[in-house]
Structures are given as structure tokens and as C-alpha cells.
């Protein structure tokens, strides 16, 4: 699956953009009901995401930032 032309790749620190994509993909999902493992998997499946996931502690912080952004926009 390729990237749409003109779109910039996302990194793990782009919490607002990642949350918006997840909101669109899973509109009826409560972000607090999603496990960290599932949230990480869903994030890795975003075609625009580039780079490897951060190390464990940084990954947890990135996932919490994504969850917070998703929650805030509900």
C-alpha cells in the first residue's frame, strides 16, 4: 500500500495526526478500552508511519500521547 502523493511520513511522536487516523479507522472505539499492545499494532499498521517503534519506555510515552490525543478529540 503506497502513500498518497504529497503526504509527509509520520513518526511515532506525531500523536495528534496518528490519533486522527485511528479515530477515522475506529470511530466507535473508546481509546481507553484499547490495550497498549493493540494500540501499538494499530499504529504500526498506518501506511504513513515511518521508522521503528521507540524503545519500551519511550514507546509507552508515545502510546499514551496518542491515546490522550484520541481521547481529547472525541
Protein backbone atom coordinates (compact mmCIF):
# COMPACT_ATOMS: atom_id res chain seq x y z
CA UNK A 1 0.00 0.00 0.00
CA UNK A 2 1.65 3.27 -1.08
CA UNK A 3 1.50 6.71 0.42
CA UNK A 4 -0.80 9.31 -1.13
CA UNK A 5 1.18 11.87 -3.10
CA UNK A 6 2.04 14.99 -1.17
CA UNK A 7 1.66 13.39 2.27
CA UNK A 8 4.53 13.54 4.70
CA UNK A 9 5.51 10.42 6.60
CA UNK A 10 4.53 10.32 10.25
CA UNK A 11 6.78 9.49 13.16
CA UNK A 12 5.86 7.97 16.49
CA UNK A 13 5.87 11.45 18.03
CA UNK A 14 3.08 12.72 15.72
CA UNK A 15 0.40 11.86 18.28
CA UNK A 16 -2.31 14.23 17.01
CA UNK A 17 -2.06 13.01 13.43
CA UNK A 18 -1.93 9.35 14.47
CA UNK A 19 -4.93 9.83 16.77
CA UNK A 20 -6.91 11.43 13.93
CA UNK A 21 -6.19 8.45 11.68
CA UNK A 22 -7.19 5.98 14.39
CA UNK A 23 -10.39 7.95 15.11
CA UNK A 24 -11.28 7.71 11.42
CA UNK A 25 -10.49 3.99 11.27
CA UNK A 26 -12.22 3.09 14.54
CA UNK A 27 -14.92 5.76 15.04
CA UNK A 28 -16.92 3.91 17.70
CA UNK A 29 -13.91 2.71 19.69
CA UNK A 30 -13.22 4.10 23.14
CA UNK A 31 -9.45 4.75 23.24
CA UNK A 32 -9.41 3.80 26.94
CA UNK A 33 -10.71 0.34 26.05
CA UNK A 34 -7.82 -0.38 23.66
CA UNK A 35 -4.87 -2.27 25.14
CA UNK A 36 -1.38 -0.85 24.71
CA UNK A 37 -0.44 -3.83 22.54
CA UNK A 38 -3.41 -3.29 20.25
CA UNK A 39 -2.80 0.46 20.10
CA UNK A 40 0.81 -0.18 19.12
CA UNK A 41 -0.27 -2.69 16.46
CA UNK A 42 -2.88 -0.34 15.00
CA UNK A 43 -0.32 2.47 14.95
CA UNK A 44 2.28 0.29 13.18
CA UNK A 45 -0.34 -0.55 10.53
CA UNK A 46 -0.69 3.11 9.48
CA UNK A 47 0.86 3.28 5.99
CA UNK A 48 2.28 6.78 6.52
CA UNK A 49 4.15 5.80 9.69
CA UNK A 50 7.88 5.62 9.18
CA UNK A 51 10.63 4.37 11.42
CA UNK A 52 10.86 1.71 14.03
CA UNK A 53 8.86 1.91 17.26
CA UNK A 54 10.81 3.56 20.06
CA UNK A 55 12.31 1.58 22.94
CA UNK A 56 9.98 0.35 25.69
CA UNK A 57 9.83 3.45 27.93
CA UNK A 58 9.60 5.84 25.01
CA UNK A 59 7.03 3.61 23.32
CA UNK A 60 4.81 3.75 26.40
CA UNK A 61 5.04 7.57 26.42
CA UNK A 62 4.28 7.72 22.68
CA UNK A 63 1.24 5.46 23.08
CA UNK A 64 -0.07 7.50 26.00
CA UNK A 65 0.31 10.69 23.94
CA UNK A 66 -1.62 9.05 21.07
CA UNK A 67 -4.33 7.84 23.48
CA UNK A 68 -4.57 11.32 25.09
CA UNK A 69 -4.90 13.00 21.68
CA UNK A 70 -7.53 10.47 20.60
CA UNK A 71 -9.45 10.97 23.85
CA UNK A 72 -9.29 14.77 23.61
CA UNK A 73 -10.80 14.84 20.14
CA UNK A 74 -13.78 12.61 20.93
